[in-house]
């Protein structure tokens, strides 16, 4: 075989050059055909596979061309290279083909992982809402998770392929495996906090516990999520302070703005008020707020008086609940408070404040509390120290 290779080296060179030239001419046509026949979603993955095939074909042709040129040049000087070529050829037939198969299968496995992992991730994650924003959020989360899973799978495939190739060329991989195990244990102890952060971040993103733009409470900090990645979460609180929290520290995540939010108020009124009338006024104000041009679109369920919540020291508290769009509960709550206060003022309903009545013992026959202004005067006073009115009259 190798004698024929040396004898026909010139023709082999011409054939390889012609084959590579034809391949380069047909490559563009093949790419255009793939773009027409294959769905757009698969074209990116097929382009990466096509690059690998191009590299294999070009590399194989280059090796054959180099061997043919070397054979022709050496044979011109009368050197017998057939025994050397037979030795090299025997090793290639015994080991080289298997090594090439290992490399090709590893590359194909990685290409399949790159093509399938994003779709598997896209099917496993969920997003809130519909429309363009939901699609963009789904694409963002899919890209984030895929960018972690795909390289991890690629590293695993690469390590397996390297050990298989080393075993094929005669290298004893047992010491390498033992050394890799020791190194892995050392790295595991040294980077366990980092690994914990990455794993926690992965599940936070996968389960959609919170995302950028949500208002959350994590690790004892309340704030707006400005960034959420695999390693850390960045919050900005009401004071503008930025807090960076490793995801491994997130034990409980409280999301105030997921899907919807709630108006939750306790409205105090005096004990002497008609509670049915008070609740009717509150419901009327809530309905007017829902019909407002500016605040109406922010409300999904009109605020209503739900029940008598508590008999407090100075007032009866009415529970008021309503639902809003995420991040809008504070604006709606503030406007509702202001409108209820105005409505109560117009209707003469008292919102009491805490007060304490003091008693200093005997007052010499006169009440210490002025009936006109309710001011408490010192013991023994006959006239109010605030308004001058007679005490006890």
Protein backbone atom coordinates (compact mmCIF):
# COMPACT_ATOMS: atom_id res chain seq x y z
CA UNK A 1 0.00 0.00 0.00
CA UNK A 2 2.68 2.46 1.00
CA UNK A 3 4.78 1.55 -2.04
CA UNK A 4 1.81 2.50 -4.19
CA UNK A 5 1.41 5.72 -2.17
CA UNK A 6 5.04 6.69 -2.81
CA UNK A 7 4.90 5.69 -6.46
CA UNK A 8 1.75 7.67 -7.17
CA UNK A 9 2.52 10.63 -4.92
CA UNK A 10 2.20 13.19 -7.71
CA UNK A 11 -1.28 11.97 -8.68
CA UNK A 12 -2.32 11.88 -5.05
CA UNK A 13 -1.27 15.51 -4.63
CA UNK A 14 -3.25 16.53 -7.69
CA UNK A 15 -6.31 14.58 -6.55
CA UNK A 16 -6.24 16.07 -3.03
CA UNK A 17 -5.79 19.62 -4.34
CA UNK A 18 -8.65 19.14 -6.78
CA UNK A 19 -10.84 17.63 -4.04
CA UNK A 20 -10.18 20.48 -1.63
CA UNK A 21 -10.86 23.02 -4.35
CA UNK A 22 -14.16 21.34 -5.23
CA UNK A 23 -15.08 21.18 -1.54
CA UNK A 24 -14.44 24.90 -1.09
CA UNK A 25 -16.59 25.64 -4.13
CA UNK A 26 -19.47 23.49 -2.92
CA UNK A 27 -19.32 24.72 0.68
CA UNK A 28 -21.16 27.97 -0.02
CA UNK A 29 -23.81 26.15 -2.03
CA UNK A 30 -24.31 23.67 0.81
CA UNK A 31 -24.74 26.50 3.34
CA UNK A 32 -27.39 28.20 1.18
CA UNK A 33 -29.23 24.90 0.74
CA UNK A 34 -29.26 24.31 4.49
CA UNK A 35 -30.68 27.78 5.12
CA UNK A 36 -33.54 27.06 2.70
CA UNK A 37 -34.38 23.53 3.86
CA UNK A 38 -33.75 23.64 7.60
CA UNK A 39 -36.02 25.59 10.05
CA UNK A 40 -34.56 28.82 11.33
CA UNK A 41 -34.44 27.58 14.93
CA UNK A 42 -31.99 24.81 14.03
CA UNK A 43 -29.77 26.76 11.65
CA UNK A 44 -27.44 28.10 14.33
CA UNK A 45 -26.73 24.61 15.66
CA UNK A 46 -26.26 23.20 12.17
CA UNK A 47 -23.85 25.99 11.31
CA UNK A 48 -21.68 25.00 14.28
CA UNK A 49 -21.79 21.34 13.15
CA UNK A 50 -20.96 22.44 9.61
CA UNK A 51 -17.89 24.27 10.88
CA UNK A 52 -16.71 21.09 12.59
CA UNK A 53 -17.24 19.02 9.45
CA UNK A 54 -15.34 21.61 7.39
CA UNK A 55 -12.48 21.46 9.85
CA UNK A 56 -12.34 17.64 9.72
CA UNK A 57 -12.43 17.48 5.91
CA UNK A 58 -9.89 20.26 5.49
CA UNK A 59 -7.60 18.77 8.14
CA UNK A 60 -7.77 15.28 6.66
CA UNK A 61 -7.03 16.61 3.19
CA UNK A 62 -4.14 18.65 4.57
CA UNK A 63 -2.60 15.61 6.26
CA UNK A 64 -2.87 13.49 3.11
CA UNK A 65 -1.43 16.33 1.01
CA UNK A 66 1.48 16.80 3.42
CA UNK A 67 2.29 13.07 3.44
CA UNK A 68 2.12 12.91 -0.37
CA UNK A 69 4.42 15.91 -0.80
CA UNK A 70 6.87 14.50 1.75
CA UNK A 71 6.83 11.10 0.06
CA UNK A 72 7.50 12.59 -3.37
CA UNK A 73 10.35 14.80 -2.11
CA UNK A 74 12.06 12.06 -0.08
CA UNK A 75 11.74 9.47 -2.85
CA UNK A 76 13.53 11.84 -5.25
CA UNK A 77 16.63 11.56 -3.06
CA UNK A 78 16.57 7.76 -3.11
CA UNK A 79 15.57 7.34 0.54
CA UNK A 80 13.44 4.27 1.26
CA UNK A 81 10.64 5.52 3.51
CA UNK A 82 8.32 2.59 3.01
CA UNK A 83 9.25 0.83 6.31
CA UNK A 84 8.68 4.04 8.29
CA UNK A 85 5.38 4.68 6.55
CA UNK A 86 4.29 1.10 7.21
CA UNK A 87 5.05 1.55 10.92
CA UNK A 88 3.19 4.81 11.09
CA UNK A 89 0.36 3.41 9.00
CA UNK A 90 0.03 0.36 11.21
CA UNK A 91 -0.23 2.53 14.33
CA UNK A 92 -2.77 4.78 12.67
CA UNK A 93 -4.88 1.84 11.61
CA UNK A 94 -4.75 0.34 15.08
CA UNK A 95 -5.13 3.50 17.20
CA UNK A 96 -5.52 6.56 15.00
CA UNK A 97 -8.90 5.65 13.57
CA UNK A 98 -10.29 4.98 17.05
CA UNK A 99 -8.88 8.28 18.33
CA UNK A 100 -10.46 10.10 15.41
CA UNK A 101 -13.79 8.39 16.15
CA UNK A 102 -13.55 9.43 19.82
CA UNK A 103 -12.90 13.05 18.84
CA UNK A 104 -15.73 13.10 16.30
CA UNK A 105 -18.23 11.49 18.68
CA UNK A 106 -17.24 13.90 21.45
CA UNK A 107 -17.72 16.87 19.16
CA UNK A 108 -21.08 15.55 17.97
CA UNK A 109 -22.18 14.98 21.57
CA UNK A 110 -21.27 18.56 22.46
CA UNK A 111 -23.06 19.86 19.35
CA UNK A 112 -26.18 17.89 20.30
CA UNK A 113 -25.98 19.29 23.84
CA UNK A 114 -25.73 22.85 22.50
CA UNK A 115 -28.77 22.24 20.31
CA UNK A 116 -30.97 20.47 22.87
CA UNK A 117 -30.12 22.09 26.22
CA UNK A 118 -31.71 25.50 25.41
CA UNK A 119 -34.93 23.82 24.31
CA UNK A 120 -35.06 21.58 27.37
CA UNK A 121 -34.45 24.60 29.60
CA UNK A 122 -37.09 26.63 27.76
CA UNK A 123 -39.67 23.89 28.39
CA UNK A 124 -38.76 23.55 32.07
CA UNK A 125 -38.87 27.24 33.06
CA UNK A 126 -42.00 29.32 33.53
CA UNK A 127 -42.55 33.06 33.19
CA UNK A 128 -45.25 35.39 34.42
CA UNK A 129 -47.58 37.16 32.06
CA UNK A 130 -47.95 37.06 28.30
CA UNK A 131 -46.89 39.03 25.28
CA UNK A 132 -43.58 40.42 24.15
CA UNK A 133 -42.21 41.10 27.64
CA UNK A 134 -42.90 37.52 28.73
CA UNK A 135 -41.17 36.16 25.63
CA UNK A 136 -38.16 38.39 26.24
CA UNK A 137 -38.00 37.27 29.86
CA UNK A 138 -38.25 33.62 28.81
CA UNK A 139 -35.43 34.09 26.29
CA UNK A 140 -33.29 35.84 28.92
CA UNK A 141 -33.77 33.12 31.55
CA UNK A 142 -33.23 30.37 28.97
CA UNK A 143 -29.99 31.99 27.83
CA UNK A 144 -28.75 32.44 31.40
CA UNK A 145 -29.40 28.83 32.41
CA UNK A 146 -28.16 27.40 29.10
CA UNK A 147 -24.94 29.40 29.35
CA UNK A 148 -24.21 27.49 32.57
CA UNK A 149 -25.45 24.00 31.70
CA UNK A 150 -23.97 23.77 28.19
CA UNK A 151 -20.34 24.60 29.15
CA UNK A 152 -20.62 22.22 32.10
CA UNK A 153 -21.72 19.39 29.80
CA UNK A 154 -18.95 20.37 27.36
CA UNK A 155 -16.28 20.22 30.07
CA UNK A 156 -17.51 16.79 31.17
CA UNK A 157 -17.47 15.47 27.57
CA UNK A 158 -14.00 16.95 27.01
CA UNK A 159 -12.54 15.36 30.15
CA UNK A 160 -13.95 11.94 29.21
CA UNK A 161 -12.61 12.29 25.66
CA UNK A 162 -9.12 13.29 26.85
CA UNK A 163 -8.87 10.31 29.20
CA UNK A 164 -10.07 7.95 26.45
CA UNK A 165 -7.47 9.31 23.99
CA UNK A 166 -4.69 9.07 26.57
CA UNK A 167 -5.67 5.48 27.31
CA UNK A 168 -5.62 4.70 23.59
CA UNK A 169 -2.08 6.08 23.08
CA UNK A 170 -0.79 3.92 25.95
CA UNK A 171 -0.78 6.37 28.87
CA UNK A 172 -1.72 4.84 32.22
CA UNK A 173 -4.65 6.99 33.31
CA UNK A 174 -5.07 5.42 36.78
CA UNK A 175 -2.58 7.84 38.45
CA UNK A 176 -4.16 10.72 36.53
CA UNK A 177 -7.60 9.76 37.81
CA UNK A 178 -6.29 9.53 41.36
CA UNK A 179 -4.57 12.90 41.06
CA UNK A 180 -7.69 14.46 39.54
CA UNK A 181 -9.71 13.12 42.46
CA UNK A 182 -7.34 14.69 45.00
CA UNK A 183 -7.37 18.01 43.12
CA UNK A 184 -11.16 17.87 42.91
CA UNK A 185 -11.46 17.33 46.67
CA UNK A 186 -9.09 20.23 47.37
CA UNK A 187 -10.97 22.53 45.02
CA UNK A 188 -14.27 21.40 46.53
CA UNK A 189 -13.15 22.41 50.04
CA UNK A 190 -11.68 25.69 48.82
CA UNK A 191 -14.61 26.75 46.66
CA UNK A 192 -17.56 25.23 48.50
CA UNK A 193 -19.05 28.67 49.25
CA UNK A 194 -18.78 29.61 45.57
CA UNK A 195 -20.38 26.32 44.52
CA UNK A 196 -23.16 26.88 47.06
CA UNK A 197 -23.77 30.37 45.63
CA UNK A 198 -23.90 29.04 42.07
CA UNK A 199 -26.27 26.20 42.91
CA UNK A 200 -28.55 28.52 44.88
CA UNK A 201 -28.53 31.04 42.03
CA UNK A 202 -29.34 28.30 39.53
CA UNK A 203 -32.46 27.24 41.45
CA UNK A 204 -33.48 30.86 42.10
CA UNK A 205 -33.50 31.51 38.35
CA UNK A 206 -35.00 28.13 37.48
CA UNK A 207 -37.88 28.47 39.97
CA UNK A 208 -38.38 32.17 39.17
CA UNK A 209 -38.33 33.15 42.85
CA UNK A 210 -37.62 36.75 41.87
CA UNK A 211 -36.22 38.68 38.96
CA UNK A 212 -34.84 42.08 38.05
CA UNK A 213 -37.35 44.81 38.92
CA UNK A 214 -39.06 42.95 41.78
CA UNK A 215 -39.21 44.31 45.33
CA UNK A 216 -38.02 41.59 47.69
CA UNK A 217 -36.83 40.89 51.18
CA UNK A 218 -33.83 38.53 51.38
CA UNK A 219 -31.14 38.02 54.01
CA UNK A 220 -32.76 40.70 56.17
CA UNK A 221 -32.63 43.36 53.41
CA UNK A 222 -35.60 44.91 51.61
CA UNK A 223 -34.97 46.44 48.23
CA UNK A 224 -35.44 46.54 44.47
CA UNK A 225 -33.67 43.77 42.55
CA UNK A 226 -31.21 45.49 40.24
CA UNK A 227 -29.33 42.35 39.24
CA UNK A 228 -29.86 38.63 39.77
CA UNK A 229 -27.33 36.17 38.38
CA UNK A 230 -25.98 32.79 39.38
CA UNK A 231 -23.58 34.08 42.04
CA UNK A 232 -25.21 37.11 43.63
CA UNK A 233 -28.27 39.31 43.96
CA UNK A 234 -27.98 43.10 44.02
CA UNK A 235 -30.65 45.11 45.88
CA UNK A 236 -31.19 48.87 46.22
CA UNK A 237 -33.24 49.95 49.24
CA UNK A 238 -35.42 53.04 49.75
CA UNK A 239 -32.40 55.07 50.84
CA UNK A 240 -30.59 54.29 47.60
CA UNK A 241 -28.08 52.00 49.31
CA UNK A 242 -26.93 49.07 47.18
CA UNK A 243 -26.68 45.68 48.90
CA UNK A 244 -24.80 42.77 47.30
CA UNK A 245 -25.96 39.42 48.67
CA UNK A 246 -24.36 36.04 47.75
CA UNK A 247 -27.08 33.66 46.64
CA UNK A 248 -25.92 31.10 49.18
CA UNK A 249 -27.13 33.46 51.93
CA UNK A 250 -30.69 33.52 50.55
CA UNK A 251 -32.58 31.19 52.90
CA UNK A 252 -36.02 32.80 52.59
CA UNK A 253 -36.99 35.10 49.72
CA UNK A 254 -40.09 37.27 50.17
CA UNK A 255 -41.31 38.77 46.89
CA UNK A 256 -43.69 41.71 47.33
CA UNK A 257 -44.40 42.18 43.62
CA UNK A 258 -44.85 38.73 42.07
CA UNK A 259 -47.88 38.51 39.76
CA UNK A 260 -49.94 41.02 41.80
CA UNK A 261 -49.82 43.18 44.93
CA UNK A 262 -52.27 44.13 47.66
CA UNK A 263 -53.57 47.24 49.39
CA UNK A 264 -53.78 46.35 53.11
CA UNK A 265 -55.01 49.10 55.45
CA UNK A 266 -56.48 49.41 58.93
CA UNK A 267 -58.60 52.59 59.07
CA UNK A 268 -59.28 53.85 62.65
CA UNK A 269 -62.59 55.60 63.49
CA UNK A 270 -64.04 56.82 66.77
CA UNK A 271 -66.15 54.49 68.90
CA UNK A 272 -69.16 56.73 68.51
CA UNK A 273 -69.32 56.48 64.70
CA UNK A 274 -71.88 54.48 62.72
CA UNK A 275 -69.75 51.61 61.37
CA UNK A 276 -72.10 50.72 58.51
CA UNK A 277 -71.97 54.31 57.29
CA UNK A 278 -68.20 54.37 57.66
CA UNK A 279 -67.79 51.17 55.60
CA UNK A 280 -70.15 52.52 52.95
CA UNK A 281 -68.03 55.67 52.58
CA UNK A 282 -64.81 53.62 52.37
CA UNK A 283 -66.29 51.40 49.64
CA UNK A 284 -67.47 54.47 47.72
CA UNK A 285 -64.00 56.03 47.87
CA UNK A 286 -62.41 52.74 46.75
CA UNK A 287 -64.76 52.50 43.78
CA UNK A 288 -64.11 56.13 42.79
CA UNK A 289 -60.38 55.45 42.93
CA UNK A 290 -60.83 52.40 40.68
CA UNK A 291 -62.66 54.54 38.12
CA UNK A 292 -59.98 57.25 38.20
CA UNK A 293 -58.24 57.91 34.90
CA UNK A 294 -54.75 57.67 36.38
CA UNK A 295 -55.09 55.16 39.22
CA UNK A 296 -57.76 52.94 37.67
CA UNK A 297 -55.39 51.07 35.33
CA UNK A 298 -53.15 50.28 38.31
CA UNK A 299 -55.93 48.53 40.27
CA UNK A 300 -57.13 44.99 39.56
CA UNK A 301 -59.62 44.72 42.44
CA UNK A 302 -61.29 47.76 44.05
CA UNK A 303 -60.30 48.46 47.69
CA UNK A 304 -63.20 47.55 50.01
CA UNK A 305 -63.95 47.57 53.72
CA UNK A 306 -63.71 43.90 54.65
CA UNK A 307 -64.55 43.73 58.38
CA UNK A 308 -64.12 45.27 61.82
CA UNK A 309 -60.52 44.31 62.49
CA UNK A 310 -59.82 45.43 66.05
CA UNK A 311 -61.12 47.27 69.12
CA UNK A 312 -58.07 49.45 69.76
CA UNK A 313 -57.41 51.71 72.76
CA UNK A 314 -58.68 54.88 71.09
CA UNK A 315 -60.49 53.67 67.94
CA UNK A 316 -62.28 50.90 66.10
CA UNK A 317 -60.13 49.67 63.18
CA UNK A 318 -61.71 48.76 59.82
CA UNK A 319 -59.77 46.34 57.58
CA UNK A 320 -59.54 47.53 53.94
CA UNK A 321 -58.18 45.25 51.19
CA UNK A 322 -57.69 45.63 47.44
CA UNK A 323 -55.42 44.29 44.68
CA UNK A 324 -53.12 46.17 42.32
CA UNK A 325 -50.58 45.49 39.64
CA UNK A 326 -47.05 44.67 40.86
CA UNK A 327 -45.10 47.62 42.32
CA UNK A 328 -48.22 49.83 42.37
CA UNK A 329 -49.57 49.01 45.83
CA UNK A 330 -47.72 51.86 47.55
CA UNK A 331 -48.94 54.55 45.16
CA UNK A 332 -52.52 53.29 45.33
CA UNK A 333 -52.41 52.96 49.12
CA UNK A 334 -51.15 56.51 49.57
CA UNK A 335 -53.85 57.95 47.29
CA UNK A 336 -56.52 55.88 49.06
CA UNK A 337 -55.46 57.20 52.47
CA UNK A 338 -55.66 60.80 51.25
CA UNK A 339 -59.12 60.34 49.68
CA UNK A 340 -60.50 58.57 52.74
CA UNK A 341 -59.25 61.40 54.97
CA UNK A 342 -60.96 64.00 52.74
CA UNK A 343 -64.18 61.95 52.64
CA UNK A 344 -64.19 61.57 56.44
CA UNK A 345 -63.66 65.31 56.88
CA UNK A 346 -66.56 66.08 54.54
CA UNK A 347 -68.85 63.59 56.30
CA UNK A 348 -67.82 64.62 59.81
CA UNK A 349 -66.35 61.23 60.72
CA UNK A 350 -63.68 61.40 63.39
CA UNK A 351 -60.32 59.71 63.00
CA UNK A 352 -59.20 59.76 66.66
CA UNK A 353 -55.68 60.06 67.94
CA UNK A 354 -54.39 58.34 71.06
CA UNK A 355 -55.02 60.36 74.25
CA UNK A 356 -54.63 59.74 77.98
CA UNK A 357 -56.62 61.35 80.81
CA UNK A 358 -54.52 62.06 83.91
CA UNK A 359 -55.90 62.27 87.46
CA UNK A 360 -53.87 64.06 90.18
CA UNK A 361 -56.06 63.29 93.20
CA UNK A 362 -58.42 65.77 94.93
CA UNK A 363 -59.02 68.96 92.92
CA UNK A 364 -60.65 71.08 95.62
CA UNK A 365 -64.14 70.60 94.20
CA UNK A 366 -63.26 71.54 90.63
CA UNK A 367 -62.58 69.26 87.65
CA UNK A 368 -59.02 69.55 86.37
CA UNK A 369 -60.11 68.92 82.75
CA UNK A 370 -61.54 72.00 81.03
CA UNK A 371 -64.86 71.29 79.35
CA UNK A 372 -64.11 73.82 76.63
CA UNK A 373 -60.66 72.71 75.45
CA UNK A 374 -60.06 69.46 77.42
CA UNK A 375 -56.80 70.91 78.80
CA UNK A 376 -55.62 69.49 82.14
CA UNK A 377 -54.75 72.22 84.66
CA UNK A 378 -52.58 71.81 87.79
CA UNK A 379 -54.28 70.65 91.01
CA UNK A 380 -56.14 73.39 92.91
CA UNK A 381 -56.74 75.52 89.78
CA UNK A 382 -60.08 77.31 89.46
CA UNK A 383 -59.48 78.56 85.92
CA UNK A 384 -58.12 76.73 82.87
CA UNK A 385 -54.46 77.51 82.32
CA UNK A 386 -55.00 77.15 78.55
CA UNK A 387 -58.19 79.07 77.68
CA UNK A 388 -59.00 80.81 80.98
CA UNK A 389 -62.41 79.18 81.36
CA UNK A 390 -63.76 78.37 84.85
CA UNK A 391 -63.13 74.81 85.84
CA UNK A 392 -66.12 72.76 86.98
CA UNK A 393 -68.63 75.12 85.30
